[in-house]
Amino acid sequence: EIRLSLVGSEMCIRDSKNIALPSELIIPLQQHIGSVGNTIVNVGDKVLKGQSLTDSETPMTVGIHAPTSGTITAIKNAPIAHPSGMEEICIFLKPDFEDKWVTRNFCPDYNALSSQDILEKIANAGISGMGGAGFPTLIKMSGTDSLDTLIINASECEPYITADDLLIREHVASIIDGIKILNKLISPKQILIGIEDNKPEAIKTLKDNTSTIENLHVCVLPTIYPSGLSLIHI
């Protein structure tokens, strides 16, 4: 969705427009730190949205999944999103525009899962960090028995970026579910959400939806650049 308007000193998203699926998707297999997984599909295979395209037995390899349903048309080196124009092995997917999901098994209550069960779901979902290195989330969540503080960074990294702001205002329930799962998984003494003071709607949304979580605090930070540095003042 694309939505643009100007509020104060920040660009915010308003009027939505749906972006149609392209005629071809090129999916790099190297999307994180660590080695590339083993390709488990072949040219000509029909795949469903969310279907695994790679697998691996090593924790430092994150699985890649089909972003929509369609047909695998090629598996070959292609330029990736890198300033050098370097090439990596990629899977080419021609969408069928039906966007059909693979069968998904939902867990109605994460509290019924053990920590190992949760870690396995994180690994199978192919979740990795969004930082420059792209560490597999499974690695980040392992060995955290003595953690005192979990910091949720809701501070935008650059001026005019409103990704965190919009996610909080439109998908706060999913964010809170994720925080609760992390709380169960790593049992921190306290959880701090750092957010800049120029996001009043998001701040109110967070406070309204986290008031019952005893060890969680919403920390409103001054809007400075680079914003990430403000977290050291929490």
C-alpha atoms as a PDB file:
ATOM      1  CA  GLU A   1       0.000   0.000   0.000  1.00  0.00           C
ATOM      2  CA  ILE A   2       1.130   3.540  -0.781  1.00  0.00           C
ATOM      3  CA  ARG A   3      -0.164   6.397   1.329  1.00  0.00           C
ATOM      4  CA  LEU A   4       1.419   9.809   1.599  1.00  0.00           C
ATOM      5  CA  SER A   5       0.636  12.996   3.480  1.00  0.00           C
ATOM      6  CA  LEU A   6       2.645  15.418   5.599  1.00  0.00           C
ATOM      7  CA  VAL A   7       2.012  15.777   9.329  1.00  0.00           C
ATOM      8  CA  GLY A   8       4.333  18.093  11.234  1.00  0.00           C
ATOM      9  CA  SER A   9       7.898  17.196  10.319  1.00  0.00           C
ATOM     10  CA  GLU A  10       7.126  13.610   9.285  1.00  0.00           C
ATOM     11  CA  MET A  11       5.716  11.954   6.228  1.00  0.00           C
ATOM     12  CA  CYS A  12       2.678   9.871   7.218  1.00  0.00           C
ATOM     13  CA  ILE A  13       0.634   7.421   5.218  1.00  0.00           C
ATOM     14  CA  ARG A  14      -3.014   8.083   4.462  1.00  0.00           C
ATOM     15  CA  ASP A  15      -4.712   7.343   1.120  1.00  0.00           C
ATOM     16  CA  SER A  16      -4.169   3.688   0.253  1.00  0.00           C
ATOM     17  CA  LYS A  17      -3.533   2.198  -3.166  1.00  0.00           C
ATOM     18  CA  ASN A  18      -3.154  -1.512  -3.782  1.00  0.00           C
ATOM     19  CA  ILE A  19      -0.091  -2.610  -5.753  1.00  0.00           C
ATOM     20  CA  ALA A  20      -0.783  -5.478  -8.156  1.00  0.00           C
ATOM     21  CA  LEU A  21       1.410  -8.577  -8.333  1.00  0.00           C
ATOM     22  CA  PRO A  22       4.133  -8.365 -11.007  1.00  0.00           C
ATOM     23  CA  SER A  23       4.371 -10.828 -13.876  1.00  0.00           C
ATOM     24  CA  GLU A  24       7.600 -12.247 -12.435  1.00  0.00           C
ATOM     25  CA  LEU A  25       9.165 -12.492  -8.984  1.00  0.00           C
ATOM     26  CA  ILE A  26      12.908 -13.023  -8.486  1.00  0.00           C
ATOM     27  CA  ILE A  27      13.627 -14.470  -5.046  1.00  0.00           C
ATOM     28  CA  PRO A  28      17.260 -14.399  -3.818  1.00  0.00           C
ATOM     29  CA  LEU A  29      18.142 -17.409  -1.686  1.00  0.00           C
ATOM     30  CA  GLN A  30      20.743 -15.420   0.282  1.00  0.00           C
ATOM     31  CA  GLN A  31      18.592 -13.095   2.409  1.00  0.00           C
ATOM     32  CA  HIS A  32      20.473 -13.308   5.709  1.00  0.00           C
ATOM     33  CA  ILE A  33      23.850 -13.956   7.282  1.00  0.00           C
ATOM     34  CA  GLY A  34      24.922 -17.581   7.068  1.00  0.00           C
ATOM     35  CA  SER A  35      24.887 -20.087   4.234  1.00  0.00           C
ATOM     36  CA  VAL A  36      22.239 -20.501   1.560  1.00  0.00           C
ATOM     37  CA  GLY A  37      19.721 -23.281   2.131  1.00  0.00           C
ATOM     38  CA  ASN A  38      19.240 -26.311  -0.089  1.00  0.00           C
ATOM     39  CA  THR A  39      16.775 -25.728  -2.917  1.00  0.00           C
ATOM     40  CA  ILE A  40      13.873 -28.190  -2.664  1.00  0.00           C
ATOM     41  CA  VAL A  41      11.899 -27.116  -5.760  1.00  0.00           C
ATOM     42  CA  ASN A  42      12.588 -27.583  -9.453  1.00  0.00           C
ATOM     43  CA  VAL A  43      11.882 -25.644 -12.622  1.00  0.00           C
ATOM     44  CA  GLY A  44       8.287 -26.318 -13.654  1.00  0.00           C
ATOM     45  CA  ASP A  45       7.025 -26.951 -10.122  1.00  0.00           C
ATOM     46  CA  LYS A  46       3.797 -25.265  -9.102  1.00  0.00           C
ATOM     47  CA  VAL A  47       4.058 -23.772  -5.607  1.00  0.00           C
ATOM     48  CA  LEU A  48       1.665 -22.194  -3.134  1.00  0.00           C
ATOM     49  CA  LYS A  49       2.079 -18.997  -1.141  1.00  0.00           C
ATOM     50  CA  GLY A  50       4.120 -19.709   1.985  1.00  0.00           C
ATOM     51  CA  GLN A  51       5.520 -22.990   0.633  1.00  0.00           C
ATOM     52  CA  SER A  52       9.145 -23.711   1.544  1.00  0.00           C
ATOM     53  CA  LEU A  53      11.557 -23.280  -1.349  1.00  0.00           C
ATOM     54  CA  THR A  54      14.677 -24.225   0.637  1.00  0.00           C
ATOM     55  CA  ASP A  55      15.584 -26.202   3.721  1.00  0.00           C
ATOM     56  CA  SER A  56      18.613 -26.721   5.946  1.00  0.00           C
ATOM     57  CA  GLU A  57      19.663 -28.456   9.132  1.00  0.00           C
ATOM     58  CA  THR A  58      21.884 -25.595  10.342  1.00  0.00           C
ATOM     59  CA  PRO A  59      20.492 -22.821  12.615  1.00  0.00           C
ATOM     60  CA  MET A  60      22.366 -20.105  10.685  1.00  0.00           C
ATOM     61  CA  THR A  61      20.384 -20.839   7.525  1.00  0.00           C
ATOM     62  CA  VAL A  62      16.895 -19.360   7.229  1.00  0.00           C
ATOM     63  CA  GLY A  63      14.303 -21.001   5.000  1.00  0.00           C
ATOM     64  CA  ILE A  64      12.968 -19.096   1.989  1.00  0.00           C
ATOM     65  CA  HIS A  65       9.261 -19.287   1.159  1.00  0.00           C
ATOM     66  CA  ALA A  66       7.143 -18.541  -1.899  1.00  0.00           C
ATOM     67  CA  PRO A  67       5.637 -15.024  -1.643  1.00  0.00           C
ATOM     68  CA  THR A  68       2.647 -16.051  -3.778  1.00  0.00           C
ATOM     69  CA  SER A  69       1.368 -19.040  -5.728  1.00  0.00           C
ATOM     70  CA  GLY A  70       2.631 -19.771  -9.225  1.00  0.00           C
ATOM     71  CA  THR A  71       5.189 -21.695 -11.264  1.00  0.00           C
ATOM     72  CA  ILE A  72       8.972 -21.926 -10.873  1.00  0.00           C
ATOM     73  CA  THR A  73      10.401 -20.834 -14.234  1.00  0.00           C
ATOM     74  CA  ALA A  74      14.146 -20.736 -13.485  1.00  0.00           C
ATOM     75  CA  ILE A  75      16.770 -21.268 -10.788  1.00  0.00           C
ATOM     76  CA  LYS A  76      19.908 -19.335 -11.707  1.00  0.00           C
ATOM     77  CA  ASN A  77      22.239 -16.477 -10.832  1.00  0.00           C
ATOM     78  CA  ALA A  78      20.731 -13.012 -11.168  1.00  0.00           C
ATOM     79  CA  PRO A  79      21.548  -9.465  -9.972  1.00  0.00           C
ATOM     80  CA  ILE A  80      20.273  -8.762  -6.469  1.00  0.00           C
ATOM     81  CA  ALA A  81      19.451  -5.577  -4.564  1.00  0.00           C
ATOM     82  CA  HIS A  82      23.059  -4.609  -3.884  1.00  0.00           C
ATOM     83  CA  PRO A  83      24.914  -1.409  -4.889  1.00  0.00           C
ATOM     84  CA  SER A  84      27.559  -3.457  -6.727  1.00  0.00           C
ATOM     85  CA  GLY A  85      25.035  -5.242  -8.903  1.00  0.00           C
ATOM     86  CA  MET A  86      26.438  -8.561  -7.675  1.00  0.00           C
ATOM     87  CA  GLU A  87      24.700 -11.788  -8.584  1.00  0.00           C
ATOM     88  CA  GLU A  88      23.362 -14.523  -6.322  1.00  0.00           C
ATOM     89  CA  ILE A  89      21.440 -17.724  -6.939  1.00  0.00           C
ATOM     90  CA  CYS A  90      17.739 -16.847  -7.279  1.00  0.00           C
ATOM     91  CA  ILE A  91      14.439 -18.609  -7.854  1.00  0.00           C
ATOM     92  CA  PHE A  92      12.239 -17.129 -10.588  1.00  0.00           C
ATOM     93  CA  LEU A  93       8.516 -17.408  -9.885  1.00  0.00           C
ATOM     94  CA  LYS A  94       5.710 -16.641 -12.343  1.00  0.00           C
ATOM     95  CA  PRO A  95       2.590 -15.782 -10.284  1.00  0.00           C
ATOM     96  CA  ASP A  96      -0.737 -17.365 -11.209  1.00  0.00           C
ATOM     97  CA  PHE A  97      -2.515 -14.353  -9.625  1.00  0.00           C
ATOM     98  CA  GLU A  98      -4.609 -16.656  -7.438  1.00  0.00           C
ATOM     99  CA  ASP A  99      -2.436 -16.036  -4.349  1.00  0.00           C
ATOM    100  CA  LYS A 100      -3.351 -19.418  -2.872  1.00  0.00           C
ATOM    101  CA  TRP A 101      -1.836 -20.283   0.518  1.00  0.00           C
ATOM    102  CA  VAL A 102      -0.220 -23.556   1.457  1.00  0.00           C
ATOM    103  CA  THR A 103      -2.069 -25.357   4.272  1.00  0.00           C
ATOM    104  CA  ARG A 104      -1.256 -23.564   7.508  1.00  0.00           C
ATOM    105  CA  ASN A 105      -1.499 -25.009  11.012  1.00  0.00           C
ATOM    106  CA  PHE A 106      -2.365 -22.238  13.437  1.00  0.00           C
ATOM    107  CA  CYS A 107      -1.757 -22.479  17.157  1.00  0.00           C
ATOM    108  CA  PRO A 108      -4.763 -20.972  18.999  1.00  0.00           C
ATOM    109  CA  ASP A 109      -2.780 -20.437  22.235  1.00  0.00           C
ATOM    110  CA  TYR A 110       0.987 -19.905  22.280  1.00  0.00           C
ATOM    111  CA  ASN A 111       0.966 -20.478  26.051  1.00  0.00           C
ATOM    112  CA  ALA A 112       0.333 -24.154  25.336  1.00  0.00           C
ATOM    113  CA  LEU A 113       3.681 -24.335  23.512  1.00  0.00           C
ATOM    114  CA  SER A 114       7.037 -24.994  25.120  1.00  0.00           C
ATOM    115  CA  SER A 115       9.965 -22.668  24.472  1.00  0.00           C
ATOM    116  CA  GLN A 116      11.431 -25.261  22.116  1.00  0.00           C
ATOM    117  CA  ASP A 117       8.131 -25.446  20.214  1.00  0.00           C
ATOM    118  CA  ILE A 118       8.181 -21.663  19.756  1.00  0.00           C
ATOM    119  CA  LEU A 119      11.800 -21.695  18.598  1.00  0.00           C
ATOM    120  CA  GLU A 120      10.984 -24.397  16.053  1.00  0.00           C
ATOM    121  CA  LYS A 121       8.082 -22.325  14.697  1.00  0.00           C
ATOM    122  CA  ILE A 122      10.367 -19.297  14.387  1.00  0.00           C
ATOM    123  CA  ALA A 123      12.932 -21.385  12.506  1.00  0.00           C
ATOM    124  CA  ASN A 124      10.337 -22.978  10.205  1.00  0.00           C
ATOM    125  CA  ALA A 125       8.820 -19.582   9.416  1.00  0.00           C
ATOM    126  CA  GLY A 126      12.163 -18.348   8.090  1.00  0.00           C
ATOM    127  CA  ILE A 127      12.241 -15.266  10.321  1.00  0.00           C
ATOM    128  CA  SER A 128      15.432 -13.217  10.413  1.00  0.00           C
ATOM    129  CA  GLY A 129      16.412  -9.781  11.665  1.00  0.00           C
ATOM    130  CA  MET A 130      15.928  -6.724   9.461  1.00  0.00           C
ATOM    131  CA  GLY A 131      19.316  -5.203  10.289  1.00  0.00           C
ATOM    132  CA  GLY A 132      22.265  -5.166   7.932  1.00  0.00           C
ATOM    133  CA  ALA A 133      23.498  -8.630   8.910  1.00  0.00           C
ATOM    134  CA  GLY A 134      20.113 -10.337   8.946  1.00  0.00           C
ATOM    135  CA  PHE A 135      20.812 -12.678  11.845  1.00  0.00           C
ATOM    136  CA  PRO A 136      18.336 -15.582  12.055  1.00  0.00           C
ATOM    137  CA  THR A 137      15.871 -14.783  14.836  1.00  0.00           C
ATOM    138  CA  LEU A 138      16.294 -18.313  16.172  1.00  0.00           C
ATOM    139  CA  ILE A 139      19.935 -17.470  16.990  1.00  0.00           C
ATOM    140  CA  LYS A 140      18.965 -14.209  18.683  1.00  0.00           C
ATOM    141  CA  MET A 141      16.384 -15.945  20.861  1.00  0.00           C
ATOM    142  CA  SER A 142      18.699 -18.740  22.005  1.00  0.00           C
ATOM    143  CA  GLY A 143      20.825 -18.429  25.150  1.00  0.00           C
ATOM    144  CA  THR A 144      18.875 -15.545  26.724  1.00  0.00           C
ATOM    145  CA  ASP A 145      18.272 -17.062  30.157  1.00  0.00           C
ATOM    146  CA  SER A 146      19.882 -14.176  32.071  1.00  0.00           C
ATOM    147  CA  LEU A 147      18.316 -11.309  30.116  1.00  0.00           C
ATOM    148  CA  ASP A 148      17.344  -8.308  32.238  1.00  0.00           C
ATOM    149  CA  THR A 149      15.827  -5.932  29.676  1.00  0.00           C
ATOM    150  CA  LEU A 150      14.144  -6.449  26.340  1.00  0.00           C
ATOM    151  CA  ILE A 151      14.053  -3.248  24.261  1.00  0.00           C
ATOM    152  CA  ILE A 152      11.481  -2.940  21.468  1.00  0.00           C
ATOM    153  CA  ASN A 153      12.829  -0.302  19.078  1.00  0.00           C
ATOM    154  CA  ALA A 154       9.889   1.693  17.661  1.00  0.00           C
ATOM    155  CA  SER A 155      12.126   4.660  16.863  1.00  0.00           C
ATOM    156  CA  GLU A 156      12.425   5.355  13.129  1.00  0.00           C
ATOM    157  CA  CYS A 157      16.027   5.208  11.896  1.00  0.00           C
ATOM    158  CA  GLU A 158      15.748   8.124   9.426  1.00  0.00           C
ATOM    159  CA  PRO A 159      13.677  11.333   9.098  1.00  0.00           C
ATOM    160  CA  TYR A 160      10.424  10.967   7.112  1.00  0.00           C
ATOM    161  CA  ILE A 161      10.299   7.199   7.589  1.00  0.00           C
ATOM    162  CA  THR A 162       6.969   6.158   9.127  1.00  0.00           C
ATOM    163  CA  ALA A 163       7.092   2.352   8.952  1.00  0.00           C
ATOM    164  CA  ASP A 164       7.030   1.770  12.724  1.00  0.00           C
ATOM    165  CA  ASP A 165       4.453   4.536  13.220  1.00  0.00           C
ATOM    166  CA  LEU A 166       2.011   2.969  10.768  1.00  0.00           C
ATOM    167  CA  LEU A 167       2.612  -0.593  11.935  1.00  0.00           C
ATOM    168  CA  ILE A 168       1.767   0.413  15.495  1.00  0.00           C
ATOM    169  CA  ARG A 169      -1.376   2.295  14.533  1.00  0.00           C
ATOM    170  CA  GLU A 170      -2.719  -0.385  12.189  1.00  0.00           C
ATOM    171  CA  HIS A 171      -1.330  -3.681  13.545  1.00  0.00           C
ATOM    172  CA  VAL A 172      -0.872  -3.120  17.269  1.00  0.00           C
ATOM    173  CA  ALA A 173      -2.596  -6.407  18.164  1.00  0.00           C
ATOM    174  CA  SER A 174      -0.008  -8.413  16.206  1.00  0.00           C
ATOM    175  CA  ILE A 175       2.826  -6.388  17.744  1.00  0.00           C
ATOM    176  CA  ILE A 176       1.546  -7.019  21.260  1.00  0.00           C
ATOM    177  CA  ASP A 177       1.143 -10.730  20.515  1.00  0.00           C
ATOM    178  CA  GLY A 178       4.780 -10.812  19.380  1.00  0.00           C
ATOM    179  CA  ILE A 179       5.925  -9.020  22.530  1.00  0.00           C
ATOM    180  CA  LYS A 180       3.974 -11.464  24.711  1.00  0.00           C
ATOM    181  CA  ILE A 181       5.550 -14.413  22.901  1.00  0.00           C
ATOM    182  CA  LEU A 182       9.016 -12.929  23.450  1.00  0.00           C
ATOM    183  CA  ASN A 183       8.124 -12.313  27.096  1.00  0.00           C
ATOM    184  CA  LYS A 184       7.253 -15.994  27.513  1.00  0.00           C
ATOM    185  CA  LEU A 185      10.261 -17.164  25.537  1.00  0.00           C
ATOM    186  CA  ILE A 186      13.052 -15.156  27.186  1.00  0.00           C
ATOM    187  CA  SER A 187      11.438 -13.975  30.471  1.00  0.00           C
ATOM    188  CA  PRO A 188      13.064 -10.522  30.748  1.00  0.00           C
ATOM    189  CA  LYS A 189      12.747  -8.585  33.998  1.00  0.00           C
ATOM    190  CA  GLN A 190      11.436  -5.589  32.083  1.00  0.00           C
ATOM    191  CA  ILE A 191      10.336  -4.702  28.553  1.00  0.00           C
ATOM    192  CA  LEU A 192      10.885  -1.174  27.247  1.00  0.00           C
ATOM    193  CA  ILE A 193       9.319   0.183  24.061  1.00  0.00           C
ATOM    194  CA  GLY A 194      11.262   3.198  22.785  1.00  0.00           C
ATOM    195  CA  ILE A 195       9.259   5.564  20.577  1.00  0.00           C
ATOM    196  CA  GLU A 196       9.820   9.171  19.486  1.00  0.00           C
ATOM    197  CA  ASP A 197       7.627  11.955  20.860  1.00  0.00           C
ATOM    198  CA  ASN A 198       6.452  13.060  17.399  1.00  0.00           C
ATOM    199  CA  LYS A 199       4.157  10.017  17.093  1.00  0.00           C
ATOM    200  CA  PRO A 200       1.286  10.866  19.463  1.00  0.00           C
ATOM    201  CA  GLU A 201      -1.240   8.482  17.887  1.00  0.00           C
ATOM    202  CA  ALA A 202       1.153   5.533  18.009  1.00  0.00           C
ATOM    203  CA  ILE A 203       2.179   6.390  21.593  1.00  0.00           C
ATOM    204  CA  LYS A 204      -1.455   6.427  22.726  1.00  0.00           C
ATOM    205  CA  THR A 205      -2.160   3.181  20.870  1.00  0.00           C
ATOM    206  CA  LEU A 206       0.774   1.456  22.564  1.00  0.00           C
ATOM    207  CA  LYS A 207      -0.112   2.715  26.030  1.00  0.00           C
ATOM    208  CA  ASP A 208      -3.773   1.747  25.641  1.00  0.00           C
ATOM    209  CA  ASN A 209      -2.872  -1.778  24.522  1.00  0.00           C
ATOM    210  CA  THR A 210      -0.036  -2.552  26.961  1.00  0.00           C
ATOM    211  CA  SER A 211      -1.503  -1.295  30.228  1.00  0.00           C
ATOM    212  CA  THR A 212      -2.106  -4.846  31.505  1.00  0.00           C
ATOM    213  CA  ILE A 213       1.481  -6.052  30.903  1.00  0.00           C
ATOM    214  CA  GLU A 214       3.097  -5.404  34.277  1.00  0.00           C
ATOM    215  CA  ASN A 215       6.770  -5.492  33.257  1.00  0.00           C
ATOM    216  CA  LEU A 216       6.318  -3.349  30.120  1.00  0.00           C
ATOM    217  CA  HIS A 217       6.911   0.405  29.878  1.00  0.00           C
ATOM    218  CA  VAL A 218       6.405   2.734  26.908  1.00  0.00           C
ATOM    219  CA  CYS A 219       9.372   5.139  26.905  1.00  0.00           C
ATOM    220  CA  VAL A 220       8.744   8.358  24.949  1.00  0.00           C
ATOM    221  CA  LEU A 221      12.012   9.685  23.537  1.00  0.00           C
ATOM    222  CA  PRO A 222      12.996  13.088  22.125  1.00  0.00           C
ATOM    223  CA  THR A 223      12.974  13.193  18.337  1.00  0.00           C
ATOM    224  CA  ILE A 224      16.634  13.473  17.383  1.00  0.00           C
ATOM    225  CA  TYR A 225      18.796  12.232  14.529  1.00  0.00           C
ATOM    226  CA  PRO A 226      20.079   9.583  14.362  1.00  0.00           C
ATOM    227  CA  SER A 227      17.040   8.404  16.241  1.00  0.00           C
ATOM    228  CA  GLY A 228      18.500   5.058  17.264  1.00  0.00           C
ATOM    229  CA  LEU A 229      20.975   6.831  19.534  1.00  0.00           C
ATOM    230  CA  SER A 230      18.117   8.142  21.665  1.00  0.00           C
ATOM    231  CA  LEU A 231      17.581   4.615  22.956  1.00  0.00           C
ATOM    232  CA  ILE A 232      20.738   4.885  25.042  1.00  0.00           C
ATOM    233  CA  HIS A 233      18.976   7.509  27.168  1.00  0.00           C
ATOM    234  CA  ILE A 234      16.160   5.165  28.236  1.00  0.00           C
END
